[in-house]
Structure formats: C-alpha cells, structure tokens
Amino acid sequence: MPKSHKIIIMVIALTALTIIFLNERNIRPKINLVKDAEKIKNQIESLKLPKMTKQILIDNSYMLNNIKHKINGYGVIFLEEDYSFFLQRDNMCVMKLPYSDDIMFQDVPCPEYRLFNNVKIPLKEEGDGLYKENNEYIFKGSNSINYINYNDKLYRIVKFTDNGFVISGKYKGKEKLSKNLYKKTILKDSYIDNYKDYIILNFNKNILLEGSGRKEDPYYIKDDLNEKRN
C-alpha cells in the first residue's frame, strides 16, 4: 500500500476517533443526568405518597424519608398523590410531570416552581407573574394568574411570605394597600388602578388553597374551618 494511502487512512481513523470522543463527551452528561432522575423516581415510588402536596428542595442534596441523598444539581420534588420533580445542572433539565411515567430531558434550564399554601406556582424572571424579592414573593403585572375568591368576592393575591399570603381587592375596609407594596407589583403597568381604593387582607401559612388562579377559575380556600385571618 502506498505511503500516501496509509496517511489518508490514519487521518480518517483519527477523525473518526475524535468524533466519537466528542460525541461521548457531549452525550455522557445527559445520560448521567437522566440516570440521576431515574434514581429519584425509584426512591419516590418506594414511598407511600401523601395526599397533600409536600415540597422538597434539591440543592446538591435532598431529604427523602428522613435520609439525605447527595446529588449534583438543584431543583424541586413535589410529593403528592401523583408526584413530580425537576432536576437541573449545567443548564440541562430532567423532569417528571404529574400523571406521566416518562422522564423528559431538555437542553435548557428547568422551569422553577415553588409551593405556596398547597399550590404550585412558577417563578418568573420576565413577564407578568410571581417574582422572588428578598424573603417575599411578589406578583407583578396586570396579567398575573393570581385571582382568589374570598367571601364571594374576587381578590388578587399580592404576595406570599414565610407567614402566609396577602390579598387585595377594591372593597371597603380599614386596612389600605400601602403605596410601597403597590409599587412592588408594578411591571410596566399594574392591575391596580388606584392603590388608595384597595384594601388588603392577611392570611396565615396554614390556609390551604385550590384552583388555578385564573379569573375564570380563581383560587379558593379549601377548608372553611381554616378560614381565619391573622
């Protein structure tokens, strides 16, 4: 075989090996992430799941059944009648959604959800919705999905805190919505026309909510016996 042919064969072989190596380097993190998700799935399915939603945060570890599990990544697990979870690392995401047995992979960061008073709500970095500000979670913008029916009147949830949540509506009352809190809700425009016309009501963290938060299907208090304001 001519020497030139041998050189060509060597170049082709090296190119093929390089491609295989690069593909392996790119695919391996995805495979490992999916394997970690399968471990979480198997651990959860060995448990007796609660009827009420329970949130477990993942931050390079998570507590499950009183056992600390180390894992590379962060996200959240929601334990309920049909569980779900999100696990993210290196801007890749694996997730298992309720009422699906499949583990799904996406090459972009996971959506971020948090549990508030028994409802799961996505956190936003742009557009109308719920934003984290220090230790508070504030709804911003006119199109936030934050409607709540209370005493047959339609209010909107303004914020969640460690102590509960605050709702506001255009009704008569003693405690007015403060200008400072009103300003926090503004995102380009606001759903509040004139903050002076709005009252606020405070609810504790044990109040359980149901519903979607949409105007046509607002949140409502699940158990009327818990319907006590601070």
Protein backbone atom coordinates (compact mmCIF):
# COMPACT_ATOMS: atom_id res chain seq x y z
CA MET A 1 0.00 0.00 0.00
CA PRO A 2 1.39 3.38 -0.95
CA LYS A 3 2.52 5.57 1.91
CA SER A 4 0.07 8.32 0.89
CA HIS A 5 -2.82 5.86 1.25
CA LYS A 6 -1.68 4.89 4.74
CA ILE A 7 -1.59 8.55 5.74
CA ILE A 8 -5.12 9.07 4.42
CA ILE A 9 -6.37 6.02 6.35
CA MET A 10 -4.68 7.27 9.54
CA VAL A 11 -6.27 10.72 9.11
CA ILE A 12 -9.71 9.14 8.59
CA ALA A 13 -9.25 6.91 11.64
CA LEU A 14 -8.14 9.82 13.84
CA THR A 15 -11.06 11.92 12.62
CA ALA A 16 -13.49 9.12 13.43
CA LEU A 17 -12.00 8.67 16.90
CA THR A 18 -12.19 12.41 17.52
CA ILE A 19 -15.86 12.48 16.52
CA ILE A 20 -16.61 9.51 18.79
CA PHE A 21 -14.76 11.17 21.68
CA LEU A 22 -16.57 14.49 21.22
CA ASN A 23 -19.95 12.79 20.95
CA GLU A 24 -19.21 10.78 24.08
CA ARG A 25 -18.17 13.95 25.92
CA ASN A 26 -21.40 15.71 24.87
CA ILE A 27 -23.77 12.80 25.45
CA ARG A 28 -22.35 11.47 28.71
CA PRO A 29 -23.57 14.40 30.91
CA LYS A 30 -27.09 13.97 29.51
CA ILE A 31 -27.02 10.24 30.19
CA ASN A 32 -25.79 10.79 33.75
CA LEU A 33 -28.48 13.39 34.40
CA VAL A 34 -31.22 11.04 33.19
CA LYS A 35 -29.77 8.26 35.38
CA ASP A 36 -29.93 10.55 38.41
CA ALA A 37 -33.55 11.33 37.58
CA GLU A 38 -34.32 7.61 37.41
CA LYS A 39 -32.78 7.16 40.87
CA ILE A 40 -35.03 9.90 42.27
CA LYS A 41 -38.04 8.30 40.58
CA ASN A 42 -37.27 4.86 42.03
CA GLN A 43 -36.75 6.30 45.52
CA ILE A 44 -40.05 8.16 45.44
CA GLU A 45 -42.00 5.19 44.11
CA SER A 46 -40.86 3.15 47.10
CA LEU A 47 -42.67 5.60 49.41
CA LYS A 48 -46.27 5.93 50.49
CA LEU A 49 -47.17 9.27 48.91
CA PRO A 50 -49.08 11.92 50.88
CA LYS A 51 -52.49 13.22 49.80
CA MET A 52 -51.49 16.84 50.35
CA THR A 53 -48.64 18.33 48.33
CA LYS A 54 -45.24 18.41 50.03
CA GLN A 55 -42.25 20.30 48.64
CA ILE A 56 -38.64 19.07 48.89
CA LEU A 57 -35.96 21.39 47.55
CA ILE A 58 -32.89 19.96 45.80
CA ASP A 59 -29.62 21.80 46.37
CA ASN A 60 -26.86 19.27 45.66
CA SER A 61 -28.75 17.06 48.11
CA TYR A 62 -32.30 16.41 49.25
CA MET A 63 -34.06 14.80 52.20
CA LEU A 64 -36.34 11.90 51.39
CA ASN A 65 -37.84 9.61 54.03
CA ASN A 66 -35.51 11.20 56.63
CA ILE A 67 -32.45 10.20 54.58
CA LYS A 68 -30.14 12.77 53.00
CA HIS A 69 -29.29 11.96 49.39
CA LYS A 70 -26.37 13.70 47.70
CA ILE A 71 -26.84 14.67 44.08
CA ASN A 72 -25.23 17.09 41.67
CA GLY A 73 -27.75 19.77 40.73
CA TYR A 74 -30.70 21.65 42.07
CA GLY A 75 -34.46 21.75 41.64
CA VAL A 76 -37.54 20.62 43.49
CA ILE A 77 -39.58 17.49 44.26
CA PHE A 78 -43.35 17.65 44.81
CA LEU A 79 -44.73 14.69 46.73
CA GLU A 80 -48.47 14.21 46.34
CA GLU A 81 -50.92 11.63 45.04
CA ASP A 82 -49.01 11.74 41.76
CA TYR A 83 -45.53 13.15 42.27
CA SER A 84 -43.36 15.34 40.06
CA PHE A 85 -39.82 16.71 40.12
CA PHE A 86 -37.37 18.96 38.29
CA LEU A 87 -33.58 18.46 38.38
CA GLN A 88 -31.17 20.86 36.69
CA ARG A 89 -27.43 21.14 36.17
CA ASP A 90 -25.21 22.75 33.56
CA ASN A 91 -28.28 24.41 32.01
CA MET A 92 -29.80 20.99 31.29
CA CYS A 93 -33.04 19.77 32.80
CA VAL A 94 -34.76 16.47 33.51
CA MET A 95 -38.29 16.36 34.82
CA LYS A 96 -41.12 14.03 35.67
CA LEU A 97 -44.56 15.64 35.50
CA PRO A 98 -47.75 14.52 37.29
CA TYR A 99 -49.77 11.79 35.59
CA SER A 100 -46.84 10.77 33.40
CA ASP A 101 -44.37 7.94 33.92
CA ASP A 102 -41.86 9.41 31.49
CA ILE A 103 -38.66 11.23 32.40
CA MET A 104 -38.22 14.11 29.98
CA PHE A 105 -34.97 15.82 29.07
CA GLN A 106 -34.49 19.34 27.72
CA ASP A 107 -31.28 21.13 26.82
CA VAL A 108 -32.37 24.33 28.57
CA PRO A 109 -32.83 25.20 32.28
CA CYS A 110 -35.84 23.84 34.15
CA PRO A 111 -38.88 25.97 34.88
CA GLU A 112 -38.76 26.99 38.54
CA TYR A 113 -41.77 26.24 40.74
CA ARG A 114 -42.43 26.75 44.46
CA LEU A 115 -45.19 25.52 46.74
CA PHE A 116 -47.33 28.16 48.46
CA ASN A 117 -50.30 27.25 50.62
CA ASN A 118 -50.72 23.95 48.76
CA VAL A 119 -50.49 25.39 45.22
CA LYS A 120 -47.50 25.12 42.87
CA ILE A 121 -46.66 28.41 41.18
CA PRO A 122 -43.91 29.12 38.62
CA LEU A 123 -41.36 31.83 39.41
CA LYS A 124 -40.66 34.37 36.69
CA GLU A 125 -37.61 36.35 35.59
CA GLU A 126 -39.51 38.30 32.95
CA GLY A 127 -43.12 38.97 32.05
CA ASP A 128 -46.14 39.02 34.35
CA GLY A 129 -46.13 36.58 37.23
CA LEU A 130 -44.55 35.76 40.59
CA TYR A 131 -41.08 37.17 41.39
CA LYS A 132 -38.82 36.49 44.34
CA GLU A 133 -37.69 39.65 46.16
CA ASN A 134 -35.63 39.01 49.29
CA ASN A 135 -37.85 36.82 51.51
CA GLU A 136 -41.06 37.74 49.71
CA TYR A 137 -42.69 36.50 46.54
CA ILE A 138 -44.49 39.35 44.75
CA PHE A 139 -46.96 39.13 41.87
CA LYS A 140 -46.08 41.72 39.22
CA GLY A 141 -48.02 42.94 36.22
CA SER A 142 -51.63 43.13 35.14
CA ASN A 143 -51.82 39.61 33.71
CA SER A 144 -50.56 37.61 36.68
CA ILE A 145 -52.52 34.44 37.38
CA ASN A 146 -53.32 35.36 40.98
CA TYR A 147 -57.11 35.63 41.32
CA ILE A 148 -58.73 34.35 44.51
CA ASN A 149 -62.38 34.08 45.51
CA TYR A 150 -62.96 35.01 49.15
CA ASN A 151 -66.39 35.55 50.70
CA ASP A 152 -67.90 35.55 47.19
CA LYS A 153 -65.70 38.48 46.16
CA LEU A 154 -62.84 38.39 43.68
CA TYR A 155 -59.47 39.49 45.03
CA ARG A 156 -55.91 39.09 43.78
CA ILE A 157 -53.01 37.66 45.72
CA VAL A 158 -50.35 40.35 46.09
CA LYS A 159 -47.57 38.38 47.75
CA PHE A 160 -46.53 35.24 49.62
CA THR A 161 -44.25 35.33 52.67
CA ASP A 162 -42.99 32.81 55.22
CA ASN A 163 -46.03 33.70 57.33
CA GLY A 164 -48.75 33.34 54.70
CA PHE A 165 -50.14 35.47 51.89
CA VAL A 166 -51.73 38.86 51.26
CA ILE A 167 -54.72 39.54 49.03
CA SER A 168 -56.01 42.85 47.74
CA GLY A 169 -59.32 43.99 46.26
CA LYS A 170 -61.30 47.11 45.50
CA TYR A 171 -63.61 46.89 48.52
CA LYS A 172 -64.35 48.92 51.62
CA GLY A 173 -62.17 48.21 54.62
CA LYS A 174 -59.94 49.65 57.29
CA GLU A 175 -56.51 48.42 56.19
CA LYS A 176 -55.44 50.01 52.91
CA LEU A 177 -52.86 48.70 50.49
CA SER A 178 -49.66 50.66 51.08
CA LYS A 179 -48.09 52.71 48.32
CA ASN A 180 -44.80 50.88 48.87
CA LEU A 181 -46.37 47.44 48.34
CA TYR A 182 -48.34 48.78 45.37
CA LYS A 183 -45.10 49.91 43.69
CA LYS A 184 -43.64 46.42 44.08
CA THR A 185 -46.47 44.98 41.98
CA ILE A 186 -45.81 47.25 39.00
CA LEU A 187 -44.35 45.67 35.88
CA LYS A 188 -44.68 48.21 33.06
CA ASP A 189 -48.27 48.65 34.16
CA SER A 190 -50.28 47.32 37.08
CA TYR A 191 -53.59 45.62 37.68
CA ILE A 192 -54.32 48.16 40.41
CA ASP A 193 -55.89 51.38 39.10
CA ASN A 194 -55.51 53.44 42.25
CA TYR A 195 -53.88 51.89 45.29
CA LYS A 196 -55.85 54.17 47.65
CA ASP A 197 -59.07 52.37 46.69
CA TYR A 198 -57.76 48.94 47.63
CA ILE A 199 -57.82 47.10 50.95
CA ILE A 200 -55.59 44.20 51.96
CA LEU A 201 -56.31 41.03 53.93
CA ASN A 202 -53.66 38.80 55.52
CA PHE A 203 -53.92 35.02 55.71
CA ASN A 204 -51.65 32.62 57.60
CA LYS A 205 -49.46 29.94 56.09
CA ASN A 206 -51.79 27.11 57.17
CA ILE A 207 -54.59 28.23 54.86
CA LEU A 208 -54.84 25.71 52.01
CA LEU A 209 -55.70 26.88 48.51
CA GLU A 210 -57.11 25.11 45.49
CA GLY A 211 -57.91 26.24 41.95
CA SER A 212 -55.82 27.54 39.07
CA GLY A 213 -55.61 31.25 39.97
CA ARG A 214 -57.16 32.28 36.67
CA LYS A 215 -60.00 34.77 36.64
CA GLU A 216 -62.42 32.11 35.39
CA ASP A 217 -61.12 29.55 37.93
CA PRO A 218 -59.73 31.53 40.87
CA TYR A 219 -58.03 30.10 43.92
CA TYR A 220 -60.30 29.39 46.84
CA ILE A 221 -59.76 28.34 50.44
CA LYS A 222 -60.02 24.57 50.62
CA ASP A 223 -61.27 24.17 54.18
CA ASP A 224 -63.71 26.75 55.51
CA LEU A 225 -62.72 25.78 59.04
CA ASN A 226 -59.27 27.19 58.35
CA GLU A 227 -60.75 30.44 57.12
CA LYS A 228 -59.20 32.61 59.82
CA ARG A 229 -57.19 35.71 59.14
CA ASN A 230 -54.27 36.88 61.25
